[in-house]
Amino acid sequence: MKGQLTLFLDQYGNRFYSRTLRELREQVPGRVSKMYHDTERGTVQVGYVIGQHWLTAFQPVELPA
């Protein structure tokens, strides 16, 4: 079973959609590193750095009406 579709935005405003890191790497070539952000709750992973692209991950949210 594949994961949930995720939107990745880079620092230039480019959009990339993928379900897995493998799919994302097919769209954006380069070396992969995890990207983190410090919050009040601690450090959390927010995306990936691939090559020259700093990709922030966004997932759809569904809340009951």
N, C-alpha and C. Protein backbone atom coordinates (compact mmCIF):
# COMPACT_ATOMS: atom_id res chain seq x y z
N MET A 1 0.84 -1.19 0.00
CA MET A 1 0.00 0.00 0.00
C MET A 1 0.88 1.24 0.00
N LYS A 2 0.57 2.17 -0.86
CA LYS A 2 1.36 3.40 -0.94
C LYS A 2 0.89 4.39 0.11
N GLY A 3 1.77 5.31 0.47
CA GLY A 3 1.45 6.31 1.47
C GLY A 3 0.57 7.41 0.92
N GLN A 4 0.32 8.37 1.76
CA GLN A 4 -0.53 9.50 1.40
C GLN A 4 0.24 10.45 0.49
N LEU A 5 -0.45 11.02 -0.48
CA LEU A 5 0.16 11.98 -1.40
C LEU A 5 0.58 13.22 -0.62
N THR A 6 1.82 13.64 -0.81
CA THR A 6 2.36 14.79 -0.10
C THR A 6 2.81 15.84 -1.10
N LEU A 7 2.52 17.10 -0.80
CA LEU A 7 2.98 18.24 -1.58
C LEU A 7 4.28 18.72 -0.97
N PHE A 8 5.29 18.93 -1.81
CA PHE A 8 6.55 19.51 -1.38
C PHE A 8 6.75 20.83 -2.11
N LEU A 9 7.02 21.89 -1.37
CA LEU A 9 7.32 23.20 -1.94
C LEU A 9 8.77 23.52 -1.69
N ASP A 10 9.48 23.97 -2.73
CA ASP A 10 10.86 24.36 -2.52
C ASP A 10 10.96 25.86 -2.32
N GLN A 11 12.17 26.36 -2.09
CA GLN A 11 12.37 27.77 -1.77
C GLN A 11 12.06 28.68 -2.95
N TYR A 12 11.91 28.13 -4.16
CA TYR A 12 11.59 28.92 -5.34
C TYR A 12 10.09 28.91 -5.66
N GLY A 13 9.31 28.16 -4.88
CA GLY A 13 7.88 28.07 -5.13
C GLY A 13 7.48 26.93 -6.04
N ASN A 14 8.42 26.10 -6.45
CA ASN A 14 8.11 24.94 -7.29
C ASN A 14 7.38 23.90 -6.47
N ARG A 15 6.42 23.21 -7.11
CA ARG A 15 5.63 22.18 -6.44
C ARG A 15 6.01 20.80 -6.95
N PHE A 16 6.14 19.88 -6.02
CA PHE A 16 6.42 18.49 -6.33
C PHE A 16 5.46 17.64 -5.51
N TYR A 17 4.84 16.64 -6.14
CA TYR A 17 3.92 15.75 -5.47
C TYR A 17 4.50 14.35 -5.46
N SER A 18 4.47 13.69 -4.30
CA SER A 18 4.95 12.32 -4.25
C SER A 18 4.36 11.59 -3.05
N ARG A 19 4.34 10.28 -3.14
CA ARG A 19 3.88 9.43 -2.04
C ARG A 19 5.06 8.86 -1.26
N THR A 20 6.22 8.76 -1.90
CA THR A 20 7.40 8.19 -1.25
C THR A 20 8.62 9.05 -1.55
N LEU A 21 9.65 8.85 -0.76
CA LEU A 21 10.90 9.56 -1.00
C LEU A 21 11.50 9.13 -2.34
N ARG A 22 11.32 7.88 -2.70
CA ARG A 22 11.83 7.40 -4.00
C ARG A 22 11.19 8.18 -5.15
N GLU A 23 9.87 8.38 -5.10
CA GLU A 23 9.18 9.15 -6.14
C GLU A 23 9.69 10.58 -6.17
N LEU A 24 9.92 11.17 -5.01
CA LEU A 24 10.41 12.54 -4.94
C LEU A 24 11.81 12.64 -5.54
N ARG A 25 12.66 11.67 -5.28
CA ARG A 25 14.02 11.68 -5.83
C ARG A 25 14.03 11.52 -7.34
N GLU A 26 13.01 10.88 -7.90
CA GLU A 26 12.92 10.77 -9.35
C GLU A 26 12.64 12.13 -9.98
N GLN A 27 11.96 13.01 -9.26
CA GLN A 27 11.63 14.34 -9.75
C GLN A 27 12.74 15.35 -9.49
N VAL A 28 13.46 15.17 -8.38
CA VAL A 28 14.50 16.12 -7.96
C VAL A 28 15.79 15.35 -7.76
N PRO A 29 16.74 15.47 -8.69
CA PRO A 29 17.99 14.73 -8.53
C PRO A 29 18.91 15.38 -7.50
N GLY A 30 19.74 14.57 -6.88
CA GLY A 30 20.73 15.10 -5.95
C GLY A 30 20.79 14.31 -4.66
N ARG A 31 21.70 14.71 -3.82
CA ARG A 31 21.89 14.06 -2.52
C ARG A 31 20.77 14.46 -1.56
N VAL A 32 20.32 13.52 -0.74
CA VAL A 32 19.18 13.74 0.16
C VAL A 32 19.65 13.92 1.60
N SER A 33 19.10 14.94 2.26
CA SER A 33 19.28 15.14 3.71
C SER A 33 17.92 15.52 4.27
N LYS A 34 17.70 15.16 5.52
CA LYS A 34 16.45 15.55 6.18
C LYS A 34 16.54 17.01 6.60
N MET A 35 15.41 17.71 6.55
CA MET A 35 15.36 19.12 6.96
C MET A 35 14.54 19.21 8.24
N TYR A 36 15.07 19.91 9.23
CA TYR A 36 14.44 20.01 10.54
C TYR A 36 14.09 21.45 10.88
N HIS A 37 13.15 21.61 11.83
CA HIS A 37 12.75 22.92 12.33
C HIS A 37 12.60 22.82 13.85
N ASP A 38 13.15 23.79 14.56
CA ASP A 38 13.02 23.82 16.02
C ASP A 38 11.71 24.49 16.40
N THR A 39 10.94 23.84 17.27
CA THR A 39 9.68 24.38 17.75
C THR A 39 9.71 24.38 19.28
N GLU A 40 8.65 24.90 19.88
CA GLU A 40 8.55 24.89 21.34
C GLU A 40 8.45 23.47 21.88
N ARG A 41 7.91 22.54 21.08
CA ARG A 41 7.76 21.14 21.48
C ARG A 41 9.02 20.33 21.23
N GLY A 42 10.00 20.92 20.55
CA GLY A 42 11.23 20.21 20.23
C GLY A 42 11.53 20.30 18.74
N THR A 43 12.50 19.55 18.31
CA THR A 43 12.90 19.55 16.91
C THR A 43 12.06 18.56 16.13
N VAL A 44 11.53 18.99 14.97
CA VAL A 44 10.69 18.13 14.13
C VAL A 44 11.21 18.15 12.69
N GLN A 45 11.02 17.03 11.99
CA GLN A 45 11.38 16.99 10.58
C GLN A 45 10.28 17.64 9.77
N VAL A 46 10.64 18.57 8.88
CA VAL A 46 9.65 19.29 8.08
C VAL A 46 9.78 19.04 6.59
N GLY A 47 10.79 18.27 6.18
CA GLY A 47 10.97 18.01 4.76
C GLY A 47 12.35 17.46 4.47
N TYR A 48 12.81 17.74 3.23
CA TYR A 48 14.10 17.22 2.78
C TYR A 48 14.86 18.31 2.03
N VAL A 49 16.16 18.19 2.04
CA VAL A 49 17.02 18.97 1.17
C VAL A 49 17.54 17.98 0.14
N ILE A 50 17.22 18.23 -1.14
CA ILE A 50 17.68 17.36 -2.21
C ILE A 50 18.39 18.25 -3.23
N GLY A 51 19.67 18.02 -3.40
CA GLY A 51 20.45 18.86 -4.31
C GLY A 51 20.39 20.31 -3.85
N GLN A 52 19.92 21.19 -4.71
CA GLN A 52 19.80 22.61 -4.41
C GLN A 52 18.40 23.00 -3.93
N HIS A 53 17.52 22.03 -3.72
CA HIS A 53 16.13 22.30 -3.36
C HIS A 53 15.88 22.02 -1.88
N TRP A 54 15.34 23.01 -1.17
CA TRP A 54 14.92 22.86 0.22
C TRP A 54 13.42 22.62 0.18
N LEU A 55 13.00 21.37 0.35
CA LEU A 55 11.61 20.95 0.13
C LEU A 55 10.87 20.80 1.45
N THR A 56 9.87 21.65 1.66
CA THR A 56 9.02 21.58 2.85
C THR A 56 7.80 20.74 2.52
N ALA A 57 7.47 19.79 3.39
CA ALA A 57 6.37 18.85 3.14
C ALA A 57 5.05 19.39 3.70
N PHE A 58 3.97 19.16 2.93
CA PHE A 58 2.62 19.51 3.36
C PHE A 58 1.72 18.34 3.03
N GLN A 59 0.88 17.92 3.99
CA GLN A 59 -0.06 16.84 3.76
C GLN A 59 -1.48 17.37 3.95
N PRO A 60 -2.45 16.83 3.20
CA PRO A 60 -3.82 17.26 3.36
C PRO A 60 -4.37 16.89 4.74
N VAL A 61 -5.22 17.74 5.25
CA VAL A 61 -5.84 17.51 6.55
C VAL A 61 -7.35 17.41 6.35
N GLU A 62 -7.94 16.38 6.91
CA GLU A 62 -9.40 16.21 6.84
C GLU A 62 -9.95 16.23 8.25
N LEU A 63 -10.80 17.18 8.54
CA LEU A 63 -11.42 17.31 9.85
C LEU A 63 -12.93 17.14 9.70
N PRO A 64 -13.58 16.53 10.67
CA PRO A 64 -15.04 16.40 10.58
C PRO A 64 -15.70 17.78 10.63
N ALA A 65 -16.79 17.90 9.88
CA ALA A 65 -17.50 19.19 9.79
C ALA A 65 -18.41 19.39 10.99
